[in-house]
Amino acid sequence: MEKLKKIEFLNEYGLKDTWTYKGKRLIKTEFTYPRTNKKKKIMSAKQELFEQIVNQFSILRENNEGTTKTSQARARKAAGEIKKLITPYKKANMAEVK
């Protein structure tokens, strides 16, 4: 009697493939989604807004030192974006505190 042999691997789509052989002959294939117990960390809205503000502030800092019209325009645009982000940041901060 020939032995059954199972081979398991992850395929290119992230699915777990199981191939069952009887001797050298393939008799059955199965695929399943792999089980993952990893919980993804969800960044809070407050932290996301803070990172956007920091990013815009670095753009403001870089372009404020420039002497061309375009660099000054970029600095003004970054300042406007910071202004738009402040109110949602305040709301998210208060919601997190409560």
N, C-alpha and C. Protein backbone atom coordinates (compact mmCIF):
# COMPACT_ATOMS: atom_id res chain seq x y z
N MET A 1 0.84 -1.18 0.00
CA MET A 1 0.00 0.00 0.00
C MET A 1 0.88 1.24 0.00
N GLU A 2 0.50 2.22 -0.83
CA GLU A 2 1.28 3.45 -0.94
C GLU A 2 0.91 4.42 0.17
N LYS A 3 1.90 5.19 0.63
CA LYS A 3 1.67 6.13 1.72
C LYS A 3 1.09 7.43 1.20
N LEU A 4 0.27 8.07 2.05
CA LEU A 4 -0.25 9.40 1.74
C LEU A 4 0.73 10.43 2.27
N LYS A 5 1.01 11.42 1.45
CA LYS A 5 1.96 12.46 1.84
C LYS A 5 1.30 13.81 1.59
N LYS A 6 1.33 14.70 2.60
CA LYS A 6 0.75 16.03 2.46
C LYS A 6 1.85 17.07 2.46
N ILE A 7 1.76 18.00 1.52
CA ILE A 7 2.71 19.11 1.44
C ILE A 7 1.90 20.40 1.57
N GLU A 8 2.31 21.27 2.50
CA GLU A 8 1.61 22.54 2.73
C GLU A 8 2.56 23.71 2.45
N PHE A 9 2.04 24.75 1.80
CA PHE A 9 2.82 25.95 1.54
C PHE A 9 1.88 27.12 1.26
N LEU A 10 2.41 28.33 1.31
CA LEU A 10 1.64 29.52 0.95
C LEU A 10 1.85 29.81 -0.52
N ASN A 11 0.76 30.00 -1.24
CA ASN A 11 0.89 30.30 -2.66
C ASN A 11 1.06 31.80 -2.89
N GLU A 12 1.12 32.21 -4.14
CA GLU A 12 1.38 33.60 -4.48
C GLU A 12 0.26 34.55 -4.07
N TYR A 13 -0.92 34.03 -3.76
CA TYR A 13 -2.05 34.85 -3.37
C TYR A 13 -2.23 34.90 -1.85
N GLY A 14 -1.33 34.28 -1.11
CA GLY A 14 -1.40 34.28 0.33
C GLY A 14 -2.30 33.20 0.90
N LEU A 15 -2.75 32.29 0.07
CA LEU A 15 -3.59 31.19 0.54
C LEU A 15 -2.72 29.99 0.91
N LYS A 16 -3.17 29.21 1.86
CA LYS A 16 -2.44 28.03 2.29
C LYS A 16 -2.87 26.86 1.40
N ASP A 17 -1.95 26.34 0.61
CA ASP A 17 -2.22 25.20 -0.27
C ASP A 17 -1.80 23.91 0.43
N THR A 18 -2.62 22.88 0.28
CA THR A 18 -2.29 21.54 0.78
C THR A 18 -2.44 20.57 -0.39
N TRP A 19 -1.34 19.93 -0.74
CA TRP A 19 -1.36 18.94 -1.81
C TRP A 19 -1.19 17.57 -1.17
N THR A 20 -2.07 16.63 -1.54
CA THR A 20 -2.01 15.28 -1.00
C THR A 20 -1.59 14.33 -2.13
N TYR A 21 -0.53 13.58 -1.85
CA TYR A 21 -0.01 12.62 -2.81
C TYR A 21 -0.20 11.20 -2.29
N LYS A 22 -0.47 10.31 -3.21
CA LYS A 22 -0.48 8.87 -2.91
C LYS A 22 0.64 8.29 -3.75
N GLY A 23 1.74 8.01 -3.06
CA GLY A 23 2.94 7.61 -3.79
C GLY A 23 3.49 8.84 -4.50
N LYS A 24 3.59 8.79 -5.82
CA LYS A 24 4.05 9.92 -6.61
C LYS A 24 2.90 10.64 -7.31
N ARG A 25 1.68 10.14 -7.13
CA ARG A 25 0.53 10.68 -7.83
C ARG A 25 -0.23 11.68 -6.95
N LEU A 26 -0.54 12.86 -7.51
CA LEU A 26 -1.31 13.88 -6.81
C LEU A 26 -2.78 13.45 -6.82
N ILE A 27 -3.38 13.36 -5.64
CA ILE A 27 -4.77 12.92 -5.59
C ILE A 27 -5.73 14.01 -5.11
N LYS A 28 -5.23 15.01 -4.38
CA LYS A 28 -6.14 16.03 -3.86
C LYS A 28 -5.38 17.33 -3.62
N THR A 29 -6.04 18.46 -3.95
CA THR A 29 -5.49 19.78 -3.63
C THR A 29 -6.55 20.57 -2.87
N GLU A 30 -6.11 21.32 -1.87
CA GLU A 30 -6.99 22.17 -1.09
C GLU A 30 -6.30 23.50 -0.86
N PHE A 31 -7.09 24.55 -0.72
CA PHE A 31 -6.51 25.81 -0.29
C PHE A 31 -7.41 26.44 0.76
N THR A 32 -6.79 27.08 1.73
CA THR A 32 -7.51 27.74 2.81
C THR A 32 -6.82 29.07 3.11
N TYR A 33 -7.56 29.94 3.74
CA TYR A 33 -6.96 31.19 4.19
C TYR A 33 -6.15 30.91 5.45
N PRO A 34 -4.94 31.42 5.51
CA PRO A 34 -4.15 31.17 6.73
C PRO A 34 -4.75 31.90 7.92
N ARG A 35 -4.66 31.30 9.06
CA ARG A 35 -5.17 31.93 10.28
C ARG A 35 -4.12 32.87 10.82
N THR A 36 -4.56 34.04 11.09
CA THR A 36 -3.65 35.01 11.68
C THR A 36 -4.28 35.55 12.94
N ASN A 37 -3.53 35.55 13.99
CA ASN A 37 -4.01 36.07 15.26
C ASN A 37 -3.45 37.45 15.54
N LYS A 38 -2.75 37.98 14.58
CA LYS A 38 -2.15 39.28 14.78
C LYS A 38 -3.21 40.36 14.67
N LYS A 39 -3.29 41.17 15.68
CA LYS A 39 -4.21 42.29 15.63
C LYS A 39 -3.45 43.49 15.10
N LYS A 40 -3.98 44.09 14.07
CA LYS A 40 -3.33 45.26 13.51
C LYS A 40 -3.59 46.45 14.42
N LYS A 41 -2.54 47.20 14.63
CA LYS A 41 -2.69 48.38 15.46
C LYS A 41 -3.31 49.47 14.61
N ILE A 42 -4.39 49.99 15.09
CA ILE A 42 -5.08 51.06 14.39
C ILE A 42 -4.63 52.37 15.01
N MET A 43 -4.07 53.22 14.16
CA MET A 43 -3.60 54.49 14.65
C MET A 43 -4.81 55.38 14.95
N SER A 44 -4.75 56.08 16.05
CA SER A 44 -5.87 56.93 16.42
C SER A 44 -5.95 58.12 15.47
N ALA A 45 -7.13 58.68 15.38
CA ALA A 45 -7.34 59.84 14.50
C ALA A 45 -6.47 61.00 14.95
N LYS A 46 -6.33 61.14 16.27
CA LYS A 46 -5.51 62.22 16.81
C LYS A 46 -4.06 62.08 16.34
N GLN A 47 -3.52 60.86 16.38
CA GLN A 47 -2.13 60.63 15.98
C GLN A 47 -1.94 60.86 14.48
N GLU A 48 -2.91 60.43 13.67
CA GLU A 48 -2.82 60.65 12.22
C GLU A 48 -2.82 62.14 11.90
N LEU A 49 -3.71 62.88 12.55
CA LEU A 49 -3.76 64.33 12.33
C LEU A 49 -2.47 65.00 12.78
N PHE A 50 -1.93 64.54 13.91
CA PHE A 50 -0.68 65.11 14.40
C PHE A 50 0.45 64.89 13.40
N GLU A 51 0.54 63.69 12.83
CA GLU A 51 1.59 63.40 11.86
C GLU A 51 1.42 64.26 10.60
N GLN A 52 0.17 64.49 10.18
CA GLN A 52 -0.06 65.36 9.03
C GLN A 52 0.38 66.79 9.34
N ILE A 53 0.09 67.26 10.55
CA ILE A 53 0.50 68.61 10.94
C ILE A 53 2.02 68.71 10.95
N VAL A 54 2.70 67.71 11.50
CA VAL A 54 4.17 67.71 11.53
C VAL A 54 4.72 67.73 10.11
N ASN A 55 4.12 66.95 9.22
CA ASN A 55 4.57 66.91 7.83
C ASN A 55 4.40 68.28 7.17
N GLN A 56 3.24 68.90 7.36
CA GLN A 56 3.01 70.22 6.77
C GLN A 56 3.94 71.27 7.38
N PHE A 57 4.24 71.13 8.67
CA PHE A 57 5.13 72.09 9.31
C PHE A 57 6.55 71.97 8.76
N SER A 58 6.99 70.75 8.47
CA SER A 58 8.33 70.59 7.87
C SER A 58 8.37 71.20 6.47
N ILE A 59 7.29 71.08 5.72
CA ILE A 59 7.21 71.73 4.39
C ILE A 59 7.26 73.24 4.55
N LEU A 60 6.53 73.75 5.54
CA LEU A 60 6.53 75.19 5.82
C LEU A 60 7.93 75.67 6.18
N ARG A 61 8.61 74.92 7.03
CA ARG A 61 9.95 75.31 7.46
C ARG A 61 10.92 75.34 6.29
N GLU A 62 10.88 74.32 5.42
CA GLU A 62 11.79 74.25 4.27
C GLU A 62 11.55 75.40 3.30
N ASN A 63 10.29 75.68 3.01
CA ASN A 63 9.98 76.67 1.98
C ASN A 63 9.96 78.10 2.49
N ASN A 64 9.86 78.29 3.79
CA ASN A 64 9.87 79.64 4.34
C ASN A 64 11.23 80.31 4.15
N GLU A 65 12.29 79.51 4.15
CA GLU A 65 13.64 80.04 3.99
C GLU A 65 13.97 80.35 2.53
N GLY A 66 13.17 79.85 1.60
CA GLY A 66 13.42 80.08 0.18
C GLY A 66 13.15 81.52 -0.21
N THR A 67 13.75 81.93 -1.34
CA THR A 67 13.60 83.31 -1.79
C THR A 67 12.76 83.43 -3.06
N THR A 68 12.35 82.31 -3.63
CA THR A 68 11.58 82.37 -4.86
C THR A 68 10.09 82.48 -4.56
N LYS A 69 9.35 82.91 -5.57
CA LYS A 69 7.90 83.04 -5.40
C LYS A 69 7.25 81.68 -5.17
N THR A 70 7.76 80.65 -5.86
CA THR A 70 7.14 79.33 -5.70
C THR A 70 7.38 78.76 -4.31
N SER A 71 8.55 78.99 -3.75
CA SER A 71 8.80 78.47 -2.40
C SER A 71 7.93 79.20 -1.38
N GLN A 72 7.73 80.48 -1.57
CA GLN A 72 6.86 81.23 -0.67
C GLN A 72 5.40 80.79 -0.81
N ALA A 73 5.00 80.47 -2.05
CA ALA A 73 3.64 79.98 -2.28
C ALA A 73 3.44 78.62 -1.60
N ARG A 74 4.47 77.75 -1.68
CA ARG A 74 4.38 76.45 -1.01
C ARG A 74 4.29 76.62 0.50
N ALA A 75 5.02 77.59 1.04
CA ALA A 75 4.98 77.85 2.48
C ALA A 75 3.59 78.33 2.90
N ARG A 76 2.99 79.22 2.11
CA ARG A 76 1.64 79.69 2.43
C ARG A 76 0.63 78.55 2.35
N LYS A 77 0.79 77.69 1.36
CA LYS A 77 -0.13 76.56 1.21
C LYS A 77 -0.01 75.61 2.41
N ALA A 78 1.22 75.35 2.85
CA ALA A 78 1.43 74.48 4.01
C ALA A 78 0.82 75.10 5.26
N ALA A 79 0.94 76.43 5.41
CA ALA A 79 0.36 77.11 6.57
C ALA A 79 -1.17 76.98 6.54
N GLY A 80 -1.75 77.11 5.35
CA GLY A 80 -3.20 76.94 5.21
C GLY A 80 -3.64 75.53 5.56
N GLU A 81 -2.85 74.52 5.16
CA GLU A 81 -3.18 73.12 5.48
C GLU A 81 -3.10 72.89 6.99
N ILE A 82 -2.11 73.49 7.63
CA ILE A 82 -2.00 73.36 9.09
C ILE A 82 -3.24 73.96 9.75
N LYS A 83 -3.66 75.10 9.24
CA LYS A 83 -4.84 75.76 9.79
C LYS A 83 -6.08 74.87 9.67
N LYS A 84 -6.21 74.16 8.53
CA LYS A 84 -7.35 73.27 8.32
C LYS A 84 -7.30 72.04 9.23
N LEU A 85 -6.07 71.60 9.59
CA LEU A 85 -5.92 70.39 10.39
C LEU A 85 -6.07 70.64 11.89
N ILE A 86 -5.91 71.88 12.33
CA ILE A 86 -5.93 72.18 13.76
C ILE A 86 -7.30 71.87 14.38
N THR A 87 -8.38 72.30 13.75
CA THR A 87 -9.71 72.09 14.33
C THR A 87 -10.05 70.60 14.47
N PRO A 88 -9.86 69.77 13.44
CA PRO A 88 -10.12 68.34 13.63
C PRO A 88 -9.22 67.72 14.70
N TYR A 89 -7.98 68.22 14.81
CA TYR A 89 -7.07 67.71 15.84
C TYR A 89 -7.62 68.02 17.23
N LYS A 90 -8.10 69.24 17.40
CA LYS A 90 -8.68 69.62 18.71
C LYS A 90 -9.86 68.72 19.05
N LYS A 91 -10.74 68.47 18.08
CA LYS A 91 -11.91 67.62 18.31
C LYS A 91 -11.51 66.21 18.66
N ALA A 92 -10.53 65.67 17.93
CA ALA A 92 -10.06 64.30 18.18
C ALA A 92 -9.40 64.22 19.55
N ASN A 93 -8.68 65.24 19.92
CA ASN A 93 -8.02 65.28 21.22
C ASN A 93 -9.06 65.27 22.34
N MET A 94 -10.08 66.08 22.22
CA MET A 94 -11.13 66.13 23.24
C MET A 94 -11.91 64.81 23.30
N ALA A 95 -12.15 64.19 22.15
CA ALA A 95 -12.87 62.92 22.14
C ALA A 95 -12.05 61.82 22.79
N GLU A 96 -10.73 61.87 22.64
CA GLU A 96 -9.87 60.87 23.23
C GLU A 96 -9.75 61.05 24.74
N VAL A 97 -9.81 62.30 25.19
CA VAL A 97 -9.70 62.59 26.62
C VAL A 97 -10.94 62.13 27.36
N LYS A 98 -12.10 62.27 26.73
CA LYS A 98 -13.38 61.90 27.39
C LYS A 98 -13.53 60.44 27.58
